Amino acid sequence: MDLKKVERISKALGDPYRLKIMDMVKKQNEWMQCSCIASEVKLAQSTISHHINQLVDADLLIAEKDGRNVQYRVNKAVMSEYVQFLNVFSV
C-alpha cells in the first residue's frame, strides 16, 4: 500500500462520525442503505453524505446503486491491507 493511500485512509478515519459510520456498516455485515445510516447518526443529511463520500473516496466503503437508493459495505480488502501496513509499527 502506498503512503498516499495510507494518508487518505488515515484522514478518513480521523473523524468520530466516520468511525461511527464504519462501525455501523461493519456490524451490519452486509449492505447498508444510506437511509439506515442517517437514522442512526444524528446529523444533517448533507453532512452524512459528506462523511460517506470521504469514506468511499478513501476506498473504505463500497457503494452500490439499488434503484434510487445507494447502499454501502466495508471494503474488507482495503481494510485488511491498511491493518497489515499498520502492523509494521507494532512492537
PDB file of N, CA and C in Angstrom:
ATOM      1  N   MET A   1       0.859  -1.173   0.000  1.00  0.00           N
ATOM      2  CA  MET A   1       0.000   0.000   0.000  1.00  0.00           C
ATOM      3  C   MET A   1       0.903   1.232   0.000  1.00  0.00           C
ATOM      4  N   ASP A   2       0.640   2.142  -0.919  1.00  0.00           N
ATOM      5  CA  ASP A   2       1.491   3.326  -0.986  1.00  0.00           C
ATOM      6  C   ASP A   2       1.111   4.328   0.116  1.00  0.00           C
ATOM      7  N   LEU A   3       2.051   5.181   0.445  1.00  0.00           N
ATOM      8  CA  LEU A   3       1.875   6.100   1.562  1.00  0.00           C
ATOM      9  C   LEU A   3       0.753   7.105   1.329  1.00  0.00           C
ATOM     10  N   LYS A   4       0.510   7.485   0.100  1.00  0.00           N
ATOM     11  CA  LYS A   4      -0.572   8.426  -0.214  1.00  0.00           C
ATOM     12  C   LYS A   4      -1.928   7.809   0.154  1.00  0.00           C
ATOM     13  N   LYS A   5      -2.083   6.519  -0.156  1.00  0.00           N
ATOM     14  CA  LYS A   5      -3.327   5.826   0.174  1.00  0.00           C
ATOM     15  C   LYS A   5      -3.476   5.670   1.692  1.00  0.00           C
ATOM     16  N   VAL A   6      -2.374   5.372   2.371  1.00  0.00           N
ATOM     17  CA  VAL A   6      -2.399   5.267   3.834  1.00  0.00           C
ATOM     18  C   VAL A   6      -2.825   6.601   4.441  1.00  0.00           C
ATOM     19  N   GLU A   7      -2.291   7.680   3.911  1.00  0.00           N
ATOM     20  CA  GLU A   7      -2.645   9.018   4.408  1.00  0.00           C
ATOM     21  C   GLU A   7      -4.136   9.301   4.197  1.00  0.00           C
ATOM     22  N   ARG A   8      -4.647   8.990   3.009  1.00  0.00           N
ATOM     23  CA  ARG A   8      -6.062   9.245   2.700  1.00  0.00           C
ATOM     24  C   ARG A   8      -6.971   8.438   3.628  1.00  0.00           C
ATOM     25  N   ILE A   9      -6.617   7.181   3.853  1.00  0.00           N
ATOM     26  CA  ILE A   9      -7.422   6.332   4.745  1.00  0.00           C
ATOM     27  C   ILE A   9      -7.351   6.855   6.179  1.00  0.00           C
ATOM     28  N   SER A  10      -6.170   7.210   6.621  1.00  0.00           N
ATOM     29  CA  SER A  10      -5.999   7.710   7.994  1.00  0.00           C
ATOM     30  C   SER A  10      -6.801   8.979   8.217  1.00  0.00           C
ATOM     31  N   LYS A  11      -6.785   9.875   7.239  1.00  0.00           N
ATOM     32  CA  LYS A  11      -7.571  11.113   7.358  1.00  0.00           C
ATOM     33  C   LYS A  11      -9.063  10.797   7.405  1.00  0.00           C
ATOM     34  N   ALA A  12      -9.492   9.859   6.571  1.00  0.00           N
ATOM     35  CA  ALA A  12     -10.909   9.498   6.551  1.00  0.00           C
ATOM     36  C   ALA A  12     -11.339   8.908   7.886  1.00  0.00           C
ATOM     37  N   LEU A  13     -10.477   8.145   8.515  1.00  0.00           N
ATOM     38  CA  LEU A  13     -10.804   7.517   9.799  1.00  0.00           C
ATOM     39  C   LEU A  13     -10.558   8.445  10.987  1.00  0.00           C
ATOM     40  N   GLY A  14     -10.059   9.637  10.726  1.00  0.00           N
ATOM     41  CA  GLY A  14      -9.730  10.578  11.794  1.00  0.00           C
ATOM     42  C   GLY A  14     -10.910  11.374  12.317  1.00  0.00           C
ATOM     43  N   ASP A  15     -12.108  11.046  11.898  1.00  0.00           N
ATOM     44  CA  ASP A  15     -13.298  11.766  12.339  1.00  0.00           C
ATOM     45  C   ASP A  15     -14.207  10.800  13.105  1.00  0.00           C
ATOM     46  N   PRO A  16     -14.693  11.200  14.277  1.00  0.00           N
ATOM     47  CA  PRO A  16     -15.504  10.276  15.083  1.00  0.00           C
ATOM     48  C   PRO A  16     -16.805   9.848  14.399  1.00  0.00           C
ATOM     49  N   TYR A  17     -17.416  10.728  13.609  1.00  0.00           N
ATOM     50  CA  TYR A  17     -18.641  10.337  12.901  1.00  0.00           C
ATOM     51  C   TYR A  17     -18.348   9.314  11.818  1.00  0.00           C
ATOM     52  N   ARG A  18     -17.221   9.459  11.135  1.00  0.00           N
ATOM     53  CA  ARG A  18     -16.848   8.484  10.112  1.00  0.00           C
ATOM     54  C   ARG A  18     -16.540   7.131  10.749  1.00  0.00           C
ATOM     55  N   LEU A  19     -15.891   7.160  11.901  1.00  0.00           N
ATOM     56  CA  LEU A  19     -15.645   5.902  12.620  1.00  0.00           C
ATOM     57  C   LEU A  19     -16.963   5.240  13.013  1.00  0.00           C
ATOM     58  N   LYS A  20     -17.918   6.043  13.453  1.00  0.00           N
ATOM     59  CA  LYS A  20     -19.227   5.503  13.827  1.00  0.00           C
ATOM     60  C   LYS A  20     -19.918   4.889  12.610  1.00  0.00           C
ATOM     61  N   ILE A  21     -19.848   5.573  11.478  1.00  0.00           N
ATOM     62  CA  ILE A  21     -20.450   5.048  10.249  1.00  0.00           C
ATOM     63  C   ILE A  21     -19.792   3.730   9.857  1.00  0.00           C
ATOM     64  N   MET A  22     -18.464   3.694   9.895  1.00  0.00           N
ATOM     65  CA  MET A  22     -17.743   2.457   9.559  1.00  0.00           C
ATOM     66  C   MET A  22     -18.154   1.324  10.492  1.00  0.00           C
ATOM     67  N   ASP A  23     -18.263   1.619  11.772  1.00  0.00           N
ATOM     68  CA  ASP A  23     -18.640   0.609  12.753  1.00  0.00           C
ATOM     69  C   ASP A  23     -20.058   0.094  12.494  1.00  0.00           C
ATOM     70  N   MET A  24     -20.977   0.993  12.173  1.00  0.00           N
ATOM     71  CA  MET A  24     -22.351   0.589  11.894  1.00  0.00           C
ATOM     72  C   MET A  24     -22.421  -0.317  10.669  1.00  0.00           C
ATOM     73  N   VAL A  25     -21.728   0.074   9.607  1.00  0.00           N
ATOM     74  CA  VAL A  25     -21.759  -0.715   8.376  1.00  0.00           C
ATOM     75  C   VAL A  25     -21.091  -2.066   8.602  1.00  0.00           C
ATOM     76  N   LYS A  26     -19.991  -2.067   9.348  1.00  0.00           N
ATOM     77  CA  LYS A  26     -19.291  -3.328   9.648  1.00  0.00           C
ATOM     78  C   LYS A  26     -20.201  -4.276  10.439  1.00  0.00           C
ATOM     79  N   LYS A  27     -20.899  -3.756  11.412  1.00  0.00           N
ATOM     80  CA  LYS A  27     -21.783  -4.584  12.233  1.00  0.00           C
ATOM     81  C   LYS A  27     -22.959  -5.120  11.434  1.00  0.00           C
ATOM     82  N   GLN A  28     -23.362  -4.393  10.408  1.00  0.00           N
ATOM     83  CA  GLN A  28     -24.452  -4.852   9.541  1.00  0.00           C
ATOM     84  C   GLN A  28     -24.036  -6.121   8.813  1.00  0.00           C
ATOM     85  N   ASN A  29     -22.748  -6.230   8.526  1.00  0.00           N
ATOM     86  CA  ASN A  29     -22.132  -7.406   7.916  1.00  0.00           C
ATOM     87  C   ASN A  29     -22.603  -7.658   6.486  1.00  0.00           C
ATOM     88  N   GLU A  30     -23.349  -6.773   5.932  1.00  0.00           N
ATOM     89  CA  GLU A  30     -23.795  -6.832   4.536  1.00  0.00           C
ATOM     90  C   GLU A  30     -23.950  -5.395   4.061  1.00  0.00           C
ATOM     91  N   TRP A  31     -24.753  -5.213   3.062  1.00  0.00           N
ATOM     92  CA  TRP A  31     -25.026  -3.874   2.553  1.00  0.00           C
ATOM     93  C   TRP A  31     -25.910  -3.098   3.518  1.00  0.00           C
ATOM     94  N   MET A  32     -25.648  -1.798   3.633  1.00  0.00           N
ATOM     95  CA  MET A  32     -26.454  -0.931   4.492  1.00  0.00           C
ATOM     96  C   MET A  32     -26.856   0.291   3.685  1.00  0.00           C
ATOM     97  N   GLN A  33     -28.130   0.599   3.695  1.00  0.00           N
ATOM     98  CA  GLN A  33     -28.607   1.749   2.937  1.00  0.00           C
ATOM     99  C   GLN A  33     -28.319   3.048   3.660  1.00  0.00           C
ATOM    100  N   CYS A  34     -28.154   4.091   2.864  1.00  0.00           N
ATOM    101  CA  CYS A  34     -27.856   5.416   3.397  1.00  0.00           C
ATOM    102  C   CYS A  34     -28.935   5.864   4.389  1.00  0.00           C
ATOM    103  N   SER A  35     -30.189   5.550   4.100  1.00  0.00           N
ATOM    104  CA  SER A  35     -31.281   5.959   4.984  1.00  0.00           C
ATOM    105  C   SER A  35     -31.137   5.335   6.372  1.00  0.00           C
ATOM    106  N   CYS A  36     -30.631   4.109   6.442  1.00  0.00           N
ATOM    107  CA  CYS A  36     -30.400   3.457   7.742  1.00  0.00           C
ATOM    108  C   CYS A  36     -29.276   4.145   8.500  1.00  0.00           C
ATOM    109  N   ILE A  37     -28.242   4.524   7.774  1.00  0.00           N
ATOM    110  CA  ILE A  37     -27.126   5.248   8.394  1.00  0.00           C
ATOM    111  C   ILE A  37     -27.630   6.576   8.930  1.00  0.00           C
ATOM    112  N   ALA A  38     -28.432   7.288   8.124  1.00  0.00           N
ATOM    113  CA  ALA A  38     -28.945   8.601   8.519  1.00  0.00           C
ATOM    114  C   ALA A  38     -29.840   8.505   9.755  1.00  0.00           C
ATOM    115  N   SER A  39     -30.574   7.408   9.890  1.00  0.00           N
ATOM    116  CA  SER A  39     -31.458   7.274  11.055  1.00  0.00           C
ATOM    117  C   SER A  39     -30.675   7.062  12.349  1.00  0.00           C
ATOM    118  N   GLU A  40     -29.457   6.549  12.239  1.00  0.00           N
ATOM    119  CA  GLU A  40     -28.636   6.278  13.422  1.00  0.00           C
ATOM    120  C   GLU A  40     -27.703   7.442  13.782  1.00  0.00           C
ATOM    121  N   VAL A  41     -27.236   8.165  12.773  1.00  0.00           N
ATOM    122  CA  VAL A  41     -26.300   9.269  13.003  1.00  0.00           C
ATOM    123  C   VAL A  41     -27.097  10.561  12.996  1.00  0.00           C
ATOM    124  N   LYS A  42     -27.070  11.256  14.083  1.00  0.00           N
ATOM    125  CA  LYS A  42     -27.896  12.450  14.235  1.00  0.00           C
ATOM    126  C   LYS A  42     -27.189  13.689  13.676  1.00  0.00           C
ATOM    127  N   LEU A  43     -27.103  13.721  12.346  1.00  0.00           N
ATOM    128  CA  LEU A  43     -26.526  14.855  11.633  1.00  0.00           C
ATOM    129  C   LEU A  43     -27.423  15.164  10.449  1.00  0.00           C
ATOM    130  N   ALA A  44     -27.222  16.326   9.855  1.00  0.00           N
ATOM    131  CA  ALA A  44     -27.959  16.686   8.650  1.00  0.00           C
ATOM    132  C   ALA A  44     -27.608  15.702   7.532  1.00  0.00           C
ATOM    133  N   GLN A  45     -28.572  15.440   6.655  1.00  0.00           N
ATOM    134  CA  GLN A  45     -28.358  14.505   5.556  1.00  0.00           C
ATOM    135  C   GLN A  45     -27.142  14.890   4.713  1.00  0.00           C
ATOM    136  N   SER A  46     -26.966  16.180   4.465  1.00  0.00           N
ATOM    137  CA  SER A  46     -25.829  16.622   3.647  1.00  0.00           C
ATOM    138  C   SER A  46     -24.501  16.340   4.344  1.00  0.00           C
ATOM    139  N   THR A  47     -24.477  16.463   5.655  1.00  0.00           N
ATOM    140  CA  THR A  47     -23.252  16.180   6.416  1.00  0.00           C
ATOM    141  C   THR A  47     -22.949  14.683   6.399  1.00  0.00           C
ATOM    142  N   ILE A  48     -23.976  13.873   6.538  1.00  0.00           N
ATOM    143  CA  ILE A  48     -23.793  12.425   6.472  1.00  0.00           C
ATOM    144  C   ILE A  48     -23.272  12.032   5.094  1.00  0.00           C
ATOM    145  N   SER A  49     -23.855  12.611   4.053  1.00  0.00           N
ATOM    146  CA  SER A  49     -23.395  12.328   2.688  1.00  0.00           C
ATOM    147  C   SER A  49     -21.938  12.710   2.509  1.00  0.00           C
ATOM    148  N   HIS A  50     -21.541  13.829   3.078  1.00  0.00           N
ATOM    149  CA  HIS A  50     -20.140  14.254   3.005  1.00  0.00           C
ATOM    150  C   HIS A  50     -19.229  13.218   3.665  1.00  0.00           C
ATOM    151  N   HIS A  51     -19.599  12.772   4.853  1.00  0.00           N
ATOM    152  CA  HIS A  51     -18.784  11.782   5.565  1.00  0.00           C
ATOM    153  C   HIS A  51     -18.720  10.466   4.785  1.00  0.00           C
ATOM    154  N   ILE A  52     -19.844  10.033   4.258  1.00  0.00           N
ATOM    155  CA  ILE A  52     -19.863   8.793   3.479  1.00  0.00           C
ATOM    156  C   ILE A  52     -18.990   8.940   2.232  1.00  0.00           C
ATOM    157  N   ASN A  53     -19.078  10.076   1.570  1.00  0.00           N
ATOM    158  CA  ASN A  53     -18.251  10.306   0.377  1.00  0.00           C
ATOM    159  C   ASN A  53     -16.767  10.263   0.701  1.00  0.00           C
ATOM    160  N   GLN A  54     -16.385  10.777   1.863  1.00  0.00           N
ATOM    161  CA  GLN A  54     -14.986  10.714   2.281  1.00  0.00           C
ATOM    162  C   GLN A  54     -14.540   9.258   2.450  1.00  0.00           C
ATOM    163  N   LEU A  55     -15.411   8.442   3.011  1.00  0.00           N
ATOM    164  CA  LEU A  55     -15.093   7.021   3.220  1.00  0.00           C
ATOM    165  C   LEU A  55     -15.050   6.262   1.890  1.00  0.00           C
ATOM    166  N   VAL A  56     -15.937   6.609   0.972  1.00  0.00           N
ATOM    167  CA  VAL A  56     -15.930   5.982  -0.352  1.00  0.00           C
ATOM    168  C   VAL A  56     -14.687   6.418  -1.122  1.00  0.00           C
ATOM    169  N   ASP A  57     -14.343   7.712  -1.058  1.00  0.00           N
ATOM    170  CA  ASP A  57     -13.157   8.224  -1.754  1.00  0.00           C
ATOM    171  C   ASP A  57     -11.872   7.574  -1.247  1.00  0.00           C
ATOM    172  N   ALA A  58     -11.867   7.190   0.022  1.00  0.00           N
ATOM    173  CA  ALA A  58     -10.698   6.515   0.596  1.00  0.00           C
ATOM    174  C   ALA A  58     -10.754   5.002   0.364  1.00  0.00           C
ATOM    175  N   ASP A  59     -11.752   4.540  -0.368  1.00  0.00           N
ATOM    176  CA  ASP A  59     -11.951   3.115  -0.676  1.00  0.00           C
ATOM    177  C   ASP A  59     -12.276   2.277   0.548  1.00  0.00           C
ATOM    178  N   LEU A  60     -12.724   2.914   1.613  1.00  0.00           N
ATOM    179  CA  LEU A  60     -13.094   2.167   2.815  1.00  0.00           C
ATOM    180  C   LEU A  60     -14.496   1.589   2.717  1.00  0.00           C
ATOM    181  N   LEU A  61     -15.366   2.274   1.986  1.00  0.00           N
ATOM    182  CA  LEU A  61     -16.712   1.783   1.746  1.00  0.00           C
ATOM    183  C   LEU A  61     -16.894   1.567   0.250  1.00  0.00           C
ATOM    184  N   ILE A  62     -17.647   0.543  -0.083  1.00  0.00           N
ATOM    185  CA  ILE A  62     -18.029   0.278  -1.468  1.00  0.00           C
ATOM    186  C   ILE A  62     -19.487   0.692  -1.608  1.00  0.00           C
ATOM    187  N   ALA A  63     -19.772   1.510  -2.614  1.00  0.00           N
ATOM    188  CA  ALA A  63     -21.128   1.984  -2.856  1.00  0.00           C
ATOM    189  C   ALA A  63     -21.731   1.225  -4.026  1.00  0.00           C
ATOM    190  N   GLU A  64     -23.017   0.902  -3.890  1.00  0.00           N
ATOM    191  CA  GLU A  64     -23.741   0.242  -4.971  1.00  0.00           C
ATOM    192  C   GLU A  64     -25.140   0.837  -5.063  1.00  0.00           C
ATOM    193  N   LYS A  65     -25.508   1.214  -6.287  1.00  0.00           N
ATOM    194  CA  LYS A  65     -26.856   1.743  -6.509  1.00  0.00           C
ATOM    195  C   LYS A  65     -27.857   0.602  -6.439  1.00  0.00           C
ATOM    196  N   ASP A  66     -28.968   0.876  -5.774  1.00  0.00           N
ATOM    197  CA  ASP A  66     -30.072  -0.067  -5.665  1.00  0.00           C
ATOM    198  C   ASP A  66     -31.340   0.704  -6.006  1.00  0.00           C
ATOM    199  N   GLY A  67     -31.611   0.831  -7.298  1.00  0.00           N
ATOM    200  CA  GLY A  67     -32.722   1.671  -7.726  1.00  0.00           C
ATOM    201  C   GLY A  67     -32.385   3.124  -7.474  1.00  0.00           C
ATOM    202  N   ARG A  68     -33.221   3.787  -6.697  1.00  0.00           N
ATOM    203  CA  ARG A  68     -32.965   5.191  -6.352  1.00  0.00           C
ATOM    204  C   ARG A  68     -32.106   5.332  -5.101  1.00  0.00           C
ATOM    205  N   ASN A  69     -31.861   4.238  -4.431  1.00  0.00           N
ATOM    206  CA  ASN A  69     -31.075   4.257  -3.195  1.00  0.00           C
ATOM    207  C   ASN A  69     -29.637   3.821  -3.455  1.00  0.00           C
ATOM    208  N   VAL A  70     -28.790   4.172  -2.522  1.00  0.00           N
ATOM    209  CA  VAL A  70     -27.404   3.712  -2.550  1.00  0.00           C
ATOM    210  C   VAL A  70     -27.168   2.932  -1.268  1.00  0.00           C
ATOM    211  N   GLN A  71     -26.480   1.810  -1.407  1.00  0.00           N
ATOM    212  CA  GLN A  71     -26.147   1.021  -0.229  1.00  0.00           C
ATOM    213  C   GLN A  71     -24.636   0.852  -0.164  1.00  0.00           C
ATOM    214  N   TYR A  72     -24.158   0.600   1.043  1.00  0.00           N
ATOM    215  CA  TYR A  72     -22.720   0.567   1.291  1.00  0.00           C
ATOM    216  C   TYR A  72     -22.333  -0.674   2.057  1.00  0.00           C
ATOM    217  N   ARG A  73     -21.090  -1.094   1.834  1.00  0.00           N
ATOM    218  CA  ARG A  73     -20.490  -2.143   2.659  1.00  0.00           C
ATOM    219  C   ARG A  73     -19.008  -1.830   2.810  1.00  0.00           C
ATOM    220  N   VAL A  74     -18.410  -2.389   3.844  1.00  0.00           N
ATOM    221  CA  VAL A  74     -16.993  -2.160   4.121  1.00  0.00           C
ATOM    222  C   VAL A  74     -16.157  -2.880   3.065  1.00  0.00           C
ATOM    223  N   ASN A  75     -15.138  -2.199   2.582  1.00  0.00           N
ATOM    224  CA  ASN A  75     -14.190  -2.790   1.641  1.00  0.00           C
ATOM    225  C   ASN A  75     -13.159  -3.555   2.480  1.00  0.00           C
ATOM    226  N   LYS A  76     -13.435  -4.821   2.688  1.00  0.00           N
ATOM    227  CA  LYS A  76     -12.606  -5.634   3.579  1.00  0.00           C
ATOM    228  C   LYS A  76     -11.175  -5.780   3.072  1.00  0.00           C
ATOM    229  N   ALA A  77     -10.986  -5.811   1.767  1.00  0.00           N
ATOM    230  CA  ALA A  77      -9.643  -5.957   1.204  1.00  0.00           C
ATOM    231  C   ALA A  77      -8.785  -4.743   1.538  1.00  0.00           C
ATOM    232  N   VAL A  78      -9.350  -3.559   1.402  1.00  0.00           N
ATOM    233  CA  VAL A  78      -8.596  -2.336   1.706  1.00  0.00           C
ATOM    234  C   VAL A  78      -8.335  -2.239   3.205  1.00  0.00           C
ATOM    235  N   MET A  79      -9.336  -2.572   4.023  1.00  0.00           N
ATOM    236  CA  MET A  79      -9.134  -2.524   5.479  1.00  0.00           C
ATOM    237  C   MET A  79      -8.044  -3.499   5.899  1.00  0.00           C
ATOM    238  N   SER A  80      -8.043  -4.674   5.315  1.00  0.00           N
ATOM    239  CA  SER A  80      -7.035  -5.676   5.643  1.00  0.00           C
ATOM    240  C   SER A  80      -5.637  -5.185   5.261  1.00  0.00           C
ATOM    241  N   GLU A  81      -5.530  -4.601   4.093  1.00  0.00           N
ATOM    242  CA  GLU A  81      -4.244  -4.083   3.633  1.00  0.00           C
ATOM    243  C   GLU A  81      -3.759  -2.943   4.531  1.00  0.00           C
ATOM    244  N   TYR A  82      -4.686  -2.085   4.959  1.00  0.00           N
ATOM    245  CA  TYR A  82      -4.357  -0.964   5.843  1.00  0.00           C
ATOM    246  C   TYR A  82      -3.873  -1.479   7.201  1.00  0.00           C
ATOM    247  N   VAL A  83      -4.570  -2.460   7.741  1.00  0.00           N
ATOM    248  CA  VAL A  83      -4.179  -3.035   9.032  1.00  0.00           C
ATOM    249  C   VAL A  83      -2.813  -3.716   8.927  1.00  0.00           C
ATOM    250  N   GLN A  84      -2.562  -4.405   7.831  1.00  0.00           N
ATOM    251  CA  GLN A  84      -1.249  -5.026   7.623  1.00  0.00           C
ATOM    252  C   GLN A  84      -0.155  -3.962   7.605  1.00  0.00           C
ATOM    253  N   PHE A  85      -0.420  -2.857   6.945  1.00  0.00           N
ATOM    254  CA  PHE A  85       0.550  -1.765   6.912  1.00  0.00           C
ATOM    255  C   PHE A  85       0.833  -1.269   8.322  1.00  0.00           C
ATOM    256  N   LEU A  86      -0.215  -1.060   9.106  1.00  0.00           N
ATOM    257  CA  LEU A  86      -0.040  -0.553  10.475  1.00  0.00           C
ATOM    258  C   LEU A  86       0.657  -1.552  11.388  1.00  0.00           C
ATOM    259  N   ASN A  87       0.495  -2.832  11.119  1.00  0.00           N
ATOM    260  CA  ASN A  87       1.154  -3.859  11.937  1.00  0.00           C
ATOM    261  C   ASN A  87       2.662  -3.774  11.883  1.00  0.00           C
ATOM    262  N   VAL A  88       3.203  -3.166  10.875  1.00  0.00           N
ATOM    263  CA  VAL A  88       4.657  -2.985  10.767  1.00  0.00           C
ATOM    264  C   VAL A  88       5.166  -2.183  11.974  1.00  0.00           C
ATOM    265  N   PHE A  89       4.305  -1.330  12.528  1.00  0.00           N
ATOM    266  CA  PHE A  89       4.710  -0.461  13.631  1.00  0.00           C
ATOM    267  C   PHE A  89       4.487  -1.074  15.010  1.00  0.00           C
ATOM    268  N   SER A  90       3.902  -2.269  15.053  1.00  0.00           N
ATOM    269  CA  SER A  90       3.645  -2.884  16.358  1.00  0.00           C
ATOM    270  C   SER A  90       4.947  -3.425  16.943  1.00  0.00           C
ATOM    271  N   VAL A  91       4.967  -3.486  18.239  1.00  0.00           N
ATOM    272  CA  VAL A  91       6.174  -3.934  18.937  1.00  0.00           C
ATOM    273  C   VAL A  91       6.063  -5.393  19.273  1.00  0.00           C
TER     274      VAL A  91
END
